[in-house]
């Protein structure tokens, strides 16, 4: 796998670690509420759901990091987890916010294309 593809996979993993932190730890802080457009009341009501979502983002990051650590043998692992990110991003864009398409699905789709074609 080319260096550019590996770097972009690392960027996608880093994004998901950032999402984990936002959703698990910063959800009801001023920064988290501004990021997601939540009121204090809505943030309080959805905090447990957001933490669960953040945990899933952490699993996606862990899978991508695992695939990178495997080197060339990790291509299938990376492919699986990038496909999961793309699908989750498409679903989130369709059901929650179109912004998810650009923040989550697009970087993963580009990384997936690079893994296959570079």
PDB file of N, CA and C in Angstrom:
ATOM      1  N   UNK A   1       0.854  -1.172   0.000  1.00  0.00           N
ATOM      2  CA  UNK A   1       0.000   0.000   0.000  1.00  0.00           C
ATOM      3  C   UNK A   1       0.899   1.235   0.000  1.00  0.00           C
ATOM      4  N   UNK A   2       0.517   2.185  -0.790  1.00  0.00           N
ATOM      5  CA  UNK A   2       1.304   3.410  -0.921  1.00  0.00           C
ATOM      6  C   UNK A   2       1.234   4.247   0.349  1.00  0.00           C
ATOM      7  N   UNK A   3       2.252   5.057   0.536  1.00  0.00           N
ATOM      8  CA  UNK A   3       2.337   5.923   1.712  1.00  0.00           C
ATOM      9  C   UNK A   3       1.149   6.885   1.799  1.00  0.00           C
ATOM     10  N   UNK A   4       0.726   7.441   0.673  1.00  0.00           N
ATOM     11  CA  UNK A   4      -0.396   8.383   0.676  1.00  0.00           C
ATOM     12  C   UNK A   4      -1.660   7.714   1.204  1.00  0.00           C
ATOM     13  N   UNK A   5      -1.910   6.484   0.768  1.00  0.00           N
ATOM     14  CA  UNK A   5      -3.077   5.747   1.240  1.00  0.00           C
ATOM     15  C   UNK A   5      -2.975   5.496   2.740  1.00  0.00           C
ATOM     16  N   UNK A   6      -1.805   5.110   3.202  1.00  0.00           N
ATOM     17  CA  UNK A   6      -1.612   4.857   4.633  1.00  0.00           C
ATOM     18  C   UNK A   6      -1.836   6.125   5.452  1.00  0.00           C
ATOM     19  N   UNK A   7      -1.339   7.236   4.956  1.00  0.00           N
ATOM     20  CA  UNK A   7      -1.522   8.502   5.672  1.00  0.00           C
ATOM     21  C   UNK A   7      -3.005   8.852   5.742  1.00  0.00           C
ATOM     22  N   UNK A   8      -3.722   8.692   4.640  1.00  0.00           N
ATOM     23  CA  UNK A   8      -5.144   9.027   4.645  1.00  0.00           C
ATOM     24  C   UNK A   8      -5.934   8.076   5.547  1.00  0.00           C
ATOM     25  N   UNK A   9      -5.566   6.815   5.583  1.00  0.00           N
ATOM     26  CA  UNK A   9      -6.206   5.882   6.520  1.00  0.00           C
ATOM     27  C   UNK A   9      -5.940   6.350   7.950  1.00  0.00           C
ATOM     28  N   UNK A  10      -4.726   6.801   8.220  1.00  0.00           N
ATOM     29  CA  UNK A  10      -4.398   7.345   9.540  1.00  0.00           C
ATOM     30  C   UNK A  10      -5.215   8.585   9.871  1.00  0.00           C
ATOM     31  N   UNK A  11      -5.441   9.422   8.872  1.00  0.00           N
ATOM     32  CA  UNK A  11      -6.271  10.624   9.074  1.00  0.00           C
ATOM     33  C   UNK A  11      -7.709  10.215   9.423  1.00  0.00           C
ATOM     34  N   UNK A  12      -8.247   9.231   8.715  1.00  0.00           N
ATOM     35  CA  UNK A  12      -9.604   8.760   9.005  1.00  0.00           C
ATOM     36  C   UNK A  12      -9.659   8.187  10.426  1.00  0.00           C
ATOM     37  N   UNK A  13      -8.646   7.433  10.814  1.00  0.00           N
ATOM     38  CA  UNK A  13      -8.600   6.900  12.183  1.00  0.00           C
ATOM     39  C   UNK A  13      -8.544   8.043  13.196  1.00  0.00           C
ATOM     40  N   UNK A  14      -7.731   9.049  12.927  1.00  0.00           N
ATOM     41  CA  UNK A  14      -7.622  10.198  13.834  1.00  0.00           C
ATOM     42  C   UNK A  14      -8.944  10.949  13.939  1.00  0.00           C
ATOM     43  N   UNK A  15      -9.643  11.093  12.819  1.00  0.00           N
ATOM     44  CA  UNK A  15     -10.964  11.726  12.854  1.00  0.00           C
ATOM     45  C   UNK A  15     -11.911  10.969  13.783  1.00  0.00           C
ATOM     46  N   UNK A  16     -11.859   9.653  13.726  1.00  0.00           N
ATOM     47  CA  UNK A  16     -12.763   8.863  14.554  1.00  0.00           C
ATOM     48  C   UNK A  16     -12.358   8.889  16.027  1.00  0.00           C
ATOM     49  N   UNK A  17     -11.101   9.058  16.307  1.00  0.00           N
ATOM     50  CA  UNK A  17     -10.689   9.274  17.701  1.00  0.00           C
ATOM     51  C   UNK A  17     -11.217  10.624  18.173  1.00  0.00           C
ATOM     52  N   UNK A  18     -11.148  11.622  17.309  1.00  0.00           N
ATOM     53  CA  UNK A  18     -11.711  12.950  17.621  1.00  0.00           C
ATOM     54  C   UNK A  18     -13.214  12.853  17.864  1.00  0.00           C
ATOM     55  N   UNK A  19     -13.929  12.098  17.008  1.00  0.00           N
ATOM     56  CA  UNK A  19     -15.369  11.920  17.195  1.00  0.00           C
ATOM     57  C   UNK A  19     -15.650  11.232  18.535  1.00  0.00           C
ATOM     58  N   UNK A  20     -14.835  10.229  18.870  1.00  0.00           N
ATOM     59  CA  UNK A  20     -14.983   9.554  20.154  1.00  0.00           C
ATOM     60  C   UNK A  20     -14.880  10.554  21.301  1.00  0.00           C
ATOM     61  N   UNK A  21     -13.865  11.389  21.267  1.00  0.00           N
ATOM     62  CA  UNK A  21     -13.659  12.372  22.336  1.00  0.00           C
ATOM     63  C   UNK A  21     -14.834  13.346  22.403  1.00  0.00           C
ATOM     64  N   UNK A  22     -15.260  13.842  21.244  1.00  0.00           N
ATOM     65  CA  UNK A  22     -16.396  14.764  21.213  1.00  0.00           C
ATOM     66  C   UNK A  22     -17.655  14.133  21.791  1.00  0.00           C
ATOM     67  N   UNK A  23     -17.949  12.921  21.374  1.00  0.00           N
ATOM     68  CA  UNK A  23     -19.217  12.303  21.735  1.00  0.00           C
ATOM     69  C   UNK A  23     -19.213  11.689  23.134  1.00  0.00           C
ATOM     70  N   UNK A  24     -18.070  11.195  23.574  1.00  0.00           N
ATOM     71  CA  UNK A  24     -18.028  10.553  24.881  1.00  0.00           C
ATOM     72  C   UNK A  24     -17.717  11.526  26.020  1.00  0.00           C
ATOM     73  N   UNK A  25     -16.907  12.535  25.742  1.00  0.00           N
ATOM     74  CA  UNK A  25     -16.403  13.373  26.831  1.00  0.00           C
ATOM     75  C   UNK A  25     -16.780  14.848  26.728  1.00  0.00           C
ATOM     76  N   UNK A  26     -17.048  15.336  25.527  1.00  0.00           N
ATOM     77  CA  UNK A  26     -17.299  16.769  25.350  1.00  0.00           C
ATOM     78  C   UNK A  26     -18.726  17.086  24.937  1.00  0.00           C
ATOM     79  N   UNK A  27     -19.578  16.080  24.882  1.00  0.00           N
ATOM     80  CA  UNK A  27     -20.936  16.235  24.354  1.00  0.00           C
ATOM     81  C   UNK A  27     -21.700  17.388  24.998  1.00  0.00           C
ATOM     82  N   UNK A  28     -21.637  17.481  26.320  1.00  0.00           N
ATOM     83  CA  UNK A  28     -22.428  18.489  27.021  1.00  0.00           C
ATOM     84  C   UNK A  28     -21.613  19.694  27.485  1.00  0.00           C
ATOM     85  N   UNK A  29     -20.434  19.859  26.889  1.00  0.00           N
ATOM     86  CA  UNK A  29     -19.635  21.053  27.152  1.00  0.00           C
ATOM     87  C   UNK A  29     -20.002  22.117  26.118  1.00  0.00           C
ATOM     88  N   UNK A  30     -19.639  23.374  26.373  1.00  0.00           N
ATOM     89  CA  UNK A  30     -19.944  24.405  25.364  1.00  0.00           C
ATOM     90  C   UNK A  30     -19.395  24.054  23.975  1.00  0.00           C
ATOM     91  N   UNK A  31     -18.174  23.524  23.911  1.00  0.00           N
ATOM     92  CA  UNK A  31     -17.593  23.158  22.613  1.00  0.00           C
ATOM     93  C   UNK A  31     -18.406  22.049  21.937  1.00  0.00           C
ATOM     94  N   UNK A  32     -18.748  21.004  22.688  1.00  0.00           N
ATOM     95  CA  UNK A  32     -19.532  19.907  22.126  1.00  0.00           C
ATOM     96  C   UNK A  32     -20.911  20.350  21.677  1.00  0.00           C
ATOM     97  N   UNK A  33     -21.561  21.177  22.497  1.00  0.00           N
ATOM     98  CA  UNK A  33     -22.896  21.644  22.121  1.00  0.00           C
ATOM     99  C   UNK A  33     -22.844  22.532  20.886  1.00  0.00           C
ATOM    100  N   UNK A  34     -21.806  23.360  20.779  1.00  0.00           N
ATOM    101  CA  UNK A  34     -21.664  24.206  19.586  1.00  0.00           C
ATOM    102  C   UNK A  34     -21.399  23.338  18.354  1.00  0.00           C
ATOM    103  N   UNK A  35     -20.534  22.350  18.506  1.00  0.00           N
ATOM    104  CA  UNK A  35     -20.183  21.472  17.385  1.00  0.00           C
ATOM    105  C   UNK A  35     -21.418  20.770  16.822  1.00  0.00           C
ATOM    106  N   UNK A  36     -22.274  20.289  17.703  1.00  0.00           N
ATOM    107  CA  UNK A  36     -23.440  19.514  17.265  1.00  0.00           C
ATOM    108  C   UNK A  36     -24.733  20.314  17.251  1.00  0.00           C
ATOM    109  N   UNK A  37     -24.664  21.593  17.565  1.00  0.00           N
ATOM    110  CA  UNK A  37     -25.848  22.436  17.538  1.00  0.00           C
ATOM    111  C   UNK A  37     -26.888  22.053  18.579  1.00  0.00           C
ATOM    112  N   UNK A  38     -26.437  21.621  19.738  1.00  0.00           N
ATOM    113  CA  UNK A  38     -27.348  21.188  20.792  1.00  0.00           C
ATOM    114  C   UNK A  38     -27.542  22.266  21.843  1.00  0.00           C
ATOM    115  N   UNK A  39     -28.705  22.252  22.453  1.00  0.00           N
ATOM    116  CA  UNK A  39     -28.966  23.062  23.634  1.00  0.00           C
ATOM    117  C   UNK A  39     -28.498  22.262  24.851  1.00  0.00           C
ATOM    118  N   UNK A  40     -28.315  22.918  25.991  1.00  0.00           N
ATOM    119  CA  UNK A  40     -27.956  22.159  27.196  1.00  0.00           C
ATOM    120  C   UNK A  40     -28.975  21.066  27.525  1.00  0.00           C
ATOM    121  N   UNK A  41     -30.243  21.352  27.311  1.00  0.00           N
ATOM    122  CA  UNK A  41     -31.289  20.361  27.598  1.00  0.00           C
ATOM    123  C   UNK A  41     -31.176  19.149  26.677  1.00  0.00           C
ATOM    124  N   UNK A  42     -31.015  19.414  25.387  1.00  0.00           N
ATOM    125  CA  UNK A  42     -30.896  18.306  24.428  1.00  0.00           C
ATOM    126  C   UNK A  42     -29.619  17.511  24.677  1.00  0.00           C
ATOM    127  N   UNK A  43     -28.528  18.207  24.982  1.00  0.00           N
ATOM    128  CA  UNK A  43     -27.267  17.517  25.264  1.00  0.00           C
ATOM    129  C   UNK A  43     -27.416  16.609  26.485  1.00  0.00           C
ATOM    130  N   UNK A  44     -28.089  17.090  27.512  1.00  0.00           N
ATOM    131  CA  UNK A  44     -28.288  16.283  28.714  1.00  0.00           C
ATOM    132  C   UNK A  44     -29.143  15.047  28.419  1.00  0.00           C
ATOM    133  N   UNK A  45     -30.182  15.229  27.606  1.00  0.00           N
ATOM    134  CA  UNK A  45     -31.084  14.114  27.289  1.00  0.00           C
ATOM    135  C   UNK A  45     -30.424  13.054  26.407  1.00  0.00           C
ATOM    136  N   UNK A  46     -29.461  13.456  25.589  1.00  0.00           N
ATOM    137  CA  UNK A  46     -28.864  12.538  24.608  1.00  0.00           C
ATOM    138  C   UNK A  46     -27.444  12.114  24.962  1.00  0.00           C
ATOM    139  N   UNK A  47     -26.970  12.494  26.131  1.00  0.00           N
ATOM    140  CA  UNK A  47     -25.569  12.237  26.498  1.00  0.00           C
ATOM    141  C   UNK A  47     -25.204  10.749  26.450  1.00  0.00           C
ATOM    142  N   UNK A  48     -26.057   9.886  26.970  1.00  0.00           N
ATOM    143  CA  UNK A  48     -25.761   8.454  26.985  1.00  0.00           C
ATOM    144  C   UNK A  48     -25.735   7.891  25.564  1.00  0.00           C
ATOM    145  N   UNK A  49     -26.660   8.337  24.726  1.00  0.00           N
ATOM    146  CA  UNK A  49     -26.671   7.881  23.332  1.00  0.00           C
ATOM    147  C   UNK A  49     -25.412   8.337  22.600  1.00  0.00           C
ATOM    148  N   UNK A  50     -25.009   9.572  22.854  1.00  0.00           N
ATOM    149  CA  UNK A  50     -23.811  10.101  22.207  1.00  0.00           C
ATOM    150  C   UNK A  50     -22.569   9.337  22.641  1.00  0.00           C
ATOM    151  N   UNK A  51     -22.498   8.992  23.927  1.00  0.00           N
ATOM    152  CA  UNK A  51     -21.348   8.231  24.419  1.00  0.00           C
ATOM    153  C   UNK A  51     -21.279   6.866  23.743  1.00  0.00           C
ATOM    154  N   UNK A  52     -22.412   6.229  23.558  1.00  0.00           N
ATOM    155  CA  UNK A  52     -22.462   4.948  22.863  1.00  0.00           C
ATOM    156  C   UNK A  52     -21.982   5.098  21.415  1.00  0.00           C
ATOM    157  N   UNK A  53     -22.430   6.158  20.767  1.00  0.00           N
ATOM    158  CA  UNK A  53     -22.001   6.442  19.396  1.00  0.00           C
ATOM    159  C   UNK A  53     -20.498   6.700  19.348  1.00  0.00           C
ATOM    160  N   UNK A  54     -19.993   7.423  20.330  1.00  0.00           N
ATOM    161  CA  UNK A  54     -18.558   7.687  20.391  1.00  0.00           C
ATOM    162  C   UNK A  54     -17.755   6.413  20.537  1.00  0.00           C
ATOM    163  N   UNK A  55     -18.273   5.476  21.332  1.00  0.00           N
ATOM    164  CA  UNK A  55     -17.580   4.201  21.505  1.00  0.00           C
ATOM    165  C   UNK A  55     -17.462   3.462  20.172  1.00  0.00           C
ATOM    166  N   UNK A  56     -18.532   3.477  19.388  1.00  0.00           N
ATOM    167  CA  UNK A  56     -18.485   2.848  18.068  1.00  0.00           C
ATOM    168  C   UNK A  56     -17.452   3.522  17.164  1.00  0.00           C
ATOM    169  N   UNK A  57     -17.365   4.841  17.244  1.00  0.00           N
ATOM    170  CA  UNK A  57     -16.338   5.540  16.466  1.00  0.00           C
ATOM    171  C   UNK A  57     -14.948   5.118  16.905  1.00  0.00           C
ATOM    172  N   UNK A  58     -14.788   4.869  18.193  1.00  0.00           N
ATOM    173  CA  UNK A  58     -13.504   4.378  18.691  1.00  0.00           C
ATOM    174  C   UNK A  58     -13.166   3.007  18.138  1.00  0.00           C
ATOM    175  N   UNK A  59     -14.175   2.142  18.021  1.00  0.00           N
ATOM    176  CA  UNK A  59     -13.931   0.818  17.437  1.00  0.00           C
ATOM    177  C   UNK A  59     -13.512   0.931  15.972  1.00  0.00           C
ATOM    178  N   UNK A  60     -14.116   1.856  15.239  1.00  0.00           N
ATOM    179  CA  UNK A  60     -13.715   2.060  13.844  1.00  0.00           C
ATOM    180  C   UNK A  60     -12.263   2.522  13.773  1.00  0.00           C
ATOM    181  N   UNK A  61     -11.888   3.455  14.633  1.00  0.00           N
ATOM    182  CA  UNK A  61     -10.499   3.928  14.668  1.00  0.00           C
ATOM    183  C   UNK A  61      -9.550   2.788  15.024  1.00  0.00           C
ATOM    184  N   UNK A  62      -9.922   1.994  16.017  1.00  0.00           N
ATOM    185  CA  UNK A  62      -9.069   0.879  16.433  1.00  0.00           C
ATOM    186  C   UNK A  62      -8.869  -0.115  15.288  1.00  0.00           C
ATOM    187  N   UNK A  63      -9.921  -0.404  14.552  1.00  0.00           N
ATOM    188  CA  UNK A  63      -9.795  -1.324  13.419  1.00  0.00           C
ATOM    189  C   UNK A  63      -8.868  -0.797  12.342  1.00  0.00           C
ATOM    190  N   UNK A  64      -8.959   0.497  12.057  1.00  0.00           N
ATOM    191  CA  UNK A  64      -8.078   1.095  11.049  1.00  0.00           C
ATOM    192  C   UNK A  64      -6.630   1.087  11.521  1.00  0.00           C
ATOM    193  N   UNK A  65      -6.410   1.396  12.783  1.00  0.00           N
ATOM    194  CA  UNK A  65      -5.048   1.380  13.331  1.00  0.00           C
ATOM    195  C   UNK A  65      -4.497  -0.039  13.320  1.00  0.00           C
ATOM    196  N   UNK A  66      -5.319  -1.001  13.689  1.00  0.00           N
ATOM    197  CA  UNK A  66      -4.918  -2.403  13.643  1.00  0.00           C
ATOM    198  C   UNK A  66      -4.492  -2.779  12.222  1.00  0.00           C
ATOM    199  N   UNK A  67      -5.302  -2.414  11.240  1.00  0.00           N
ATOM    200  CA  UNK A  67      -4.959  -2.716   9.852  1.00  0.00           C
ATOM    201  C   UNK A  67      -3.643  -2.080   9.429  1.00  0.00           C
ATOM    202  N   UNK A  68      -3.418  -0.841   9.833  1.00  0.00           N
ATOM    203  CA  UNK A  68      -2.148  -0.179   9.515  1.00  0.00           C
ATOM    204  C   UNK A  68      -0.971  -0.890  10.169  1.00  0.00           C
ATOM    205  N   UNK A  69      -1.169  -1.355  11.392  1.00  0.00           N
ATOM    206  CA  UNK A  69      -0.082  -2.039  12.105  1.00  0.00           C
ATOM    207  C   UNK A  69       0.275  -3.377  11.461  1.00  0.00           C
ATOM    208  N   UNK A  70      -0.656  -3.970  10.757  1.00  0.00           N
ATOM    209  CA  UNK A  70      -0.394  -5.244  10.084  1.00  0.00           C
ATOM    210  C   UNK A  70       0.421  -5.076   8.804  1.00  0.00           C
ATOM    211  N   UNK A  71       0.608  -3.839   8.366  1.00  0.00           N
ATOM    212  CA  UNK A  71       1.349  -3.599   7.132  1.00  0.00           C
ATOM    213  C   UNK A  71       0.563  -4.082   5.928  1.00  0.00           C
ATOM    214  N   UNK A  72       1.253  -4.650   4.959  1.00  0.00           N
ATOM    215  CA  UNK A  72       0.607  -5.108   3.726  1.00  0.00           C
ATOM    216  C   UNK A  72      -0.460  -6.163   4.007  1.00  0.00           C
ATOM    217  N   UNK A  73      -0.269  -6.946   5.052  1.00  0.00           N
ATOM    218  CA  UNK A  73      -1.247  -7.983   5.411  1.00  0.00           C
ATOM    219  C   UNK A  73      -2.547  -7.384   5.957  1.00  0.00           C
ATOM    220  N   UNK A  74      -2.559  -6.102   6.258  1.00  0.00           N
ATOM    221  CA  UNK A  74      -3.729  -5.468   6.825  1.00  0.00           C
ATOM    222  C   UNK A  74      -4.683  -4.861   5.817  1.00  0.00           C
ATOM    223  N   UNK A  75      -4.410  -5.041   4.549  1.00  0.00           N
ATOM    224  CA  UNK A  75      -5.252  -4.423   3.514  1.00  0.00           C
ATOM    225  C   UNK A  75      -6.726  -4.809   3.647  1.00  0.00           C
ATOM    226  N   UNK A  76      -7.005  -6.096   3.894  1.00  0.00           N
ATOM    227  CA  UNK A  76      -8.397  -6.526   4.017  1.00  0.00           C
ATOM    228  C   UNK A  76      -9.055  -5.936   5.263  1.00  0.00           C
ATOM    229  N   UNK A  77      -8.306  -5.839   6.345  1.00  0.00           N
ATOM    230  CA  UNK A  77      -8.832  -5.239   7.584  1.00  0.00           C
ATOM    231  C   UNK A  77      -9.162  -3.767   7.342  1.00  0.00           C
ATOM    232  N   UNK A  78      -8.239  -3.061   6.713  1.00  0.00           N
ATOM    233  CA  UNK A  78      -8.452  -1.642   6.400  1.00  0.00           C
ATOM    234  C   UNK A  78      -9.655  -1.474   5.477  1.00  0.00           C
ATOM    235  N   UNK A  79      -9.759  -2.325   4.475  1.00  0.00           N
ATOM    236  CA  UNK A  79     -10.877  -2.259   3.536  1.00  0.00           C
ATOM    237  C   UNK A  79     -12.202  -2.427   4.272  1.00  0.00           C
ATOM    238  N   UNK A  80     -12.267  -3.418   5.155  1.00  0.00           N
ATOM    239  CA  UNK A  80     -13.499  -3.652   5.912  1.00  0.00           C
ATOM    240  C   UNK A  80     -13.873  -2.433   6.749  1.00  0.00           C
ATOM    241  N   UNK A  81     -12.925  -1.905   7.510  1.00  0.00           N
ATOM    242  CA  UNK A  81     -13.249  -0.792   8.396  1.00  0.00           C
ATOM    243  C   UNK A  81     -13.523   0.499   7.632  1.00  0.00           C
ATOM    244  N   UNK A  82     -12.825   0.737   6.533  1.00  0.00           N
ATOM    245  CA  UNK A  82     -13.155   1.914   5.715  1.00  0.00           C
ATOM    246  C   UNK A  82     -14.552   1.786   5.120  1.00  0.00           C
ATOM    247  N   UNK A  83     -14.918   0.585   4.670  1.00  0.00           N
ATOM    248  CA  UNK A  83     -16.269   0.372   4.143  1.00  0.00           C
ATOM    249  C   UNK A  83     -17.307   0.636   5.236  1.00  0.00           C
ATOM    250  N   UNK A  84     -17.022   0.208   6.455  1.00  0.00           N
ATOM    251  CA  UNK A  84     -17.931   0.489   7.577  1.00  0.00           C
ATOM    252  C   UNK A  84     -18.073   1.989   7.792  1.00  0.00           C
ATOM    253  N   UNK A  85     -16.971   2.712   7.720  1.00  0.00           N
ATOM    254  CA  UNK A  85     -17.011   4.165   7.906  1.00  0.00           C
ATOM    255  C   UNK A  85     -17.831   4.820   6.796  1.00  0.00           C
ATOM    256  N   UNK A  86     -17.621   4.401   5.561  1.00  0.00           N
ATOM    257  CA  UNK A  86     -18.375   4.972   4.438  1.00  0.00           C
ATOM    258  C   UNK A  86     -19.873   4.719   4.623  1.00  0.00           C
ATOM    259  N   UNK A  87     -20.239   3.494   4.959  1.00  0.00           N
ATOM    260  CA  UNK A  87     -21.657   3.158   5.144  1.00  0.00           C
ATOM    261  C   UNK A  87     -22.250   3.960   6.295  1.00  0.00           C
ATOM    262  N   UNK A  88     -21.533   4.029   7.409  1.00  0.00           N
ATOM    263  CA  UNK A  88     -22.019   4.813   8.554  1.00  0.00           C
ATOM    264  C   UNK A  88     -22.156   6.286   8.182  1.00  0.00           C
ATOM    265  N   UNK A  89     -21.200   6.792   7.415  1.00  0.00           N
ATOM    266  CA  UNK A  89     -21.256   8.181   6.981  1.00  0.00           C
ATOM    267  C   UNK A  89     -22.421   8.457   6.051  1.00  0.00           C
ATOM    268  N   UNK A  90     -22.689   7.546   5.137  1.00  0.00           N
ATOM    269  CA  UNK A  90     -23.832   7.706   4.238  1.00  0.00           C
ATOM    270  C   UNK A  90     -25.145   7.668   5.013  1.00  0.00           C
ATOM    271  N   UNK A  91     -25.236   6.753   5.948  1.00  0.00           N
ATOM    272  CA  UNK A  91     -26.446   6.660   6.762  1.00  0.00           C
ATOM    273  C   UNK A  91     -26.623   7.926   7.608  1.00  0.00           C
ATOM    274  N   UNK A  92     -25.547   8.376   8.223  1.00  0.00           N
ATOM    275  CA  UNK A  92     -25.614   9.601   9.027  1.00  0.00           C
ATOM    276  C   UNK A  92     -25.986  10.811   8.191  1.00  0.00           C
ATOM    277  N   UNK A  93     -25.454  10.883   6.989  1.00  0.00           N
ATOM    278  CA  UNK A  93     -25.789  12.005   6.097  1.00  0.00           C
ATOM    279  C   UNK A  93     -27.259  11.972   5.697  1.00  0.00           C
ATOM    280  N   UNK A  94     -27.791  10.772   5.511  1.00  0.00           N
ATOM    281  CA  UNK A  94     -29.197  10.636   5.106  1.00  0.00           C
ATOM    282  C   UNK A  94     -30.162  10.868   6.263  1.00  0.00           C
ATOM    283  N   UNK A  95     -29.730  10.576   7.493  1.00  0.00           N
ATOM    284  CA  UNK A  95     -30.667  10.618   8.621  1.00  0.00           C
ATOM    285  C   UNK A  95     -30.404  11.728   9.627  1.00  0.00           C
ATOM    286  N   UNK A  96     -29.183  12.219   9.711  1.00  0.00           N
ATOM    287  CA  UNK A  96     -28.859  13.189  10.773  1.00  0.00           C
ATOM    288  C   UNK A  96     -28.422  14.541  10.212  1.00  0.00           C
ATOM    289  N   UNK A  97     -27.348  14.553   9.420  1.00  0.00           N
ATOM    290  CA  UNK A  97     -26.811  15.818   8.908  1.00  0.00           C
ATOM    291  C   UNK A  97     -26.007  15.557   7.641  1.00  0.00           C
ATOM    292  N   UNK A  98     -26.253  16.364   6.629  1.00  0.00           N
ATOM    293  CA  UNK A  98     -25.501  16.214   5.370  1.00  0.00           C
ATOM    294  C   UNK A  98     -24.017  16.455   5.575  1.00  0.00           C
ATOM    295  N   UNK A  99     -23.674  17.210   6.597  1.00  0.00           N
ATOM    296  CA  UNK A  99     -22.274  17.500   6.905  1.00  0.00           C
ATOM    297  C   UNK A  99     -21.474  16.211   7.120  1.00  0.00           C
ATOM    298  N   UNK A 100     -22.133  15.181   7.628  1.00  0.00           N
ATOM    299  CA  UNK A 100     -21.471  13.900   7.878  1.00  0.00           C
ATOM    300  C   UNK A 100     -20.930  13.306   6.580  1.00  0.00           C
ATOM    301  N   UNK A 101     -21.591  13.574   5.487  1.00  0.00           N
ATOM    302  CA  UNK A 101     -21.125  13.078   4.191  1.00  0.00           C
ATOM    303  C   UNK A 101     -19.705  13.566   3.901  1.00  0.00           C
ATOM    304  N   UNK A 102     -19.445  14.814   4.217  1.00  0.00           N
ATOM    305  CA  UNK A 102     -18.142  15.417   3.907  1.00  0.00           C
ATOM    306  C   UNK A 102     -17.104  15.187   4.991  1.00  0.00           C
ATOM    307  N   UNK A 103     -17.540  15.094   6.227  1.00  0.00           N
ATOM    308  CA  UNK A 103     -16.610  14.949   7.345  1.00  0.00           C
ATOM    309  C   UNK A 103     -16.212  13.492   7.562  1.00  0.00           C
ATOM    310  N   UNK A 104     -17.120  12.563   7.297  1.00  0.00           N
ATOM    311  CA  UNK A 104     -16.865  11.159   7.589  1.00  0.00           C
ATOM    312  C   UNK A 104     -16.793  10.297   6.323  1.00  0.00           C
ATOM    313  N   UNK A 105     -17.838  10.319   5.510  1.00  0.00           N
ATOM    314  CA  UNK A 105     -17.906   9.391   4.378  1.00  0.00           C
ATOM    315  C   UNK A 105     -16.887   9.710   3.290  1.00  0.00           C
ATOM    316  N   UNK A 106     -16.753  10.981   2.934  1.00  0.00           N
ATOM    317  CA  UNK A 106     -15.852  11.347   1.835  1.00  0.00           C
ATOM    318  C   UNK A 106     -14.389  11.005   2.126  1.00  0.00           C
ATOM    319  N   UNK A 107     -13.831  11.387   3.293  1.00  0.00           N
ATOM    320  CA  UNK A 107     -12.432  10.998   3.546  1.00  0.00           C
ATOM    321  C   UNK A 107     -12.229   9.483   3.515  1.00  0.00           C
ATOM    322  N   UNK A 108     -13.188   8.730   4.058  1.00  0.00           N
ATOM    323  CA  UNK A 108     -13.065   7.275   4.047  1.00  0.00           C
ATOM    324  C   UNK A 108     -13.174   6.717   2.630  1.00  0.00           C
ATOM    325  N   UNK A 109     -14.048   7.283   1.814  1.00  0.00           N
ATOM    326  CA  UNK A 109     -14.192   6.819   0.434  1.00  0.00           C
ATOM    327  C   UNK A 109     -12.919   7.091  -0.370  1.00  0.00           C
ATOM    328  N   UNK A 110     -12.326   8.256  -0.162  1.00  0.00           N
ATOM    329  CA  UNK A 110     -11.074   8.577  -0.849  1.00  0.00           C
ATOM    330  C   UNK A 110      -9.972   7.625  -0.389  1.00  0.00           C
ATOM    331  N   UNK A 111      -9.894   7.389   0.921  1.00  0.00           N
ATOM    332  CA  UNK A 111      -8.890   6.450   1.442  1.00  0.00           C
ATOM    333  C   UNK A 111      -9.105   5.058   0.871  1.00  0.00           C
ATOM    334  N   UNK A 112     -10.354   4.635   0.797  1.00  0.00           N
ATOM    335  CA  UNK A 112     -10.669   3.314   0.249  1.00  0.00           C
ATOM    336  C   UNK A 112     -10.247   3.222  -1.218  1.00  0.00           C
ATOM    337  N   UNK A 113     -10.513   4.262  -1.978  1.00  0.00           N
ATOM    338  CA  UNK A 113     -10.093   4.277  -3.386  1.00  0.00           C
ATOM    339  C   UNK A 113      -8.565   4.204  -3.491  1.00  0.00           C
ATOM    340  N   UNK A 114      -7.881   4.932  -2.642  1.00  0.00           N
ATOM    341  CA  UNK A 114      -6.410   4.904  -2.677  1.00  0.00           C
ATOM    342  C   UNK A 114      -5.868   3.530  -2.303  1.00  0.00           C
ATOM    343  N   UNK A 115      -6.501   2.886  -1.335  1.00  0.00           N
ATOM    344  CA  UNK A 115      -6.062   1.541  -0.930  1.00  0.00           C
ATOM    345  C   UNK A 115      -6.151   0.591  -2.114  1.00  0.00           C
ATOM    346  N   UNK A 116      -7.185   0.741  -2.935  1.00  0.00           N
ATOM    347  CA  UNK A 116      -7.376  -0.161  -4.061  1.00  0.00           C
ATOM    348  C   UNK A 116      -6.599   0.222  -5.309  1.00  0.00           C
ATOM    349  N   UNK A 117      -6.477   1.514  -5.576  1.00  0.00           N
ATOM    350  CA  UNK A 117      -5.982   1.921  -6.891  1.00  0.00           C
ATOM    351  C   UNK A 117      -4.612   2.554  -6.902  1.00  0.00           C
ATOM    352  N   UNK A 118      -4.010   2.740  -5.756  1.00  0.00           N
ATOM    353  CA  UNK A 118      -2.674   3.362  -5.740  1.00  0.00           C
ATOM    354  C   UNK A 118      -1.637   2.338  -5.396  1.00  0.00           C
TER     355      UNK A 118
END
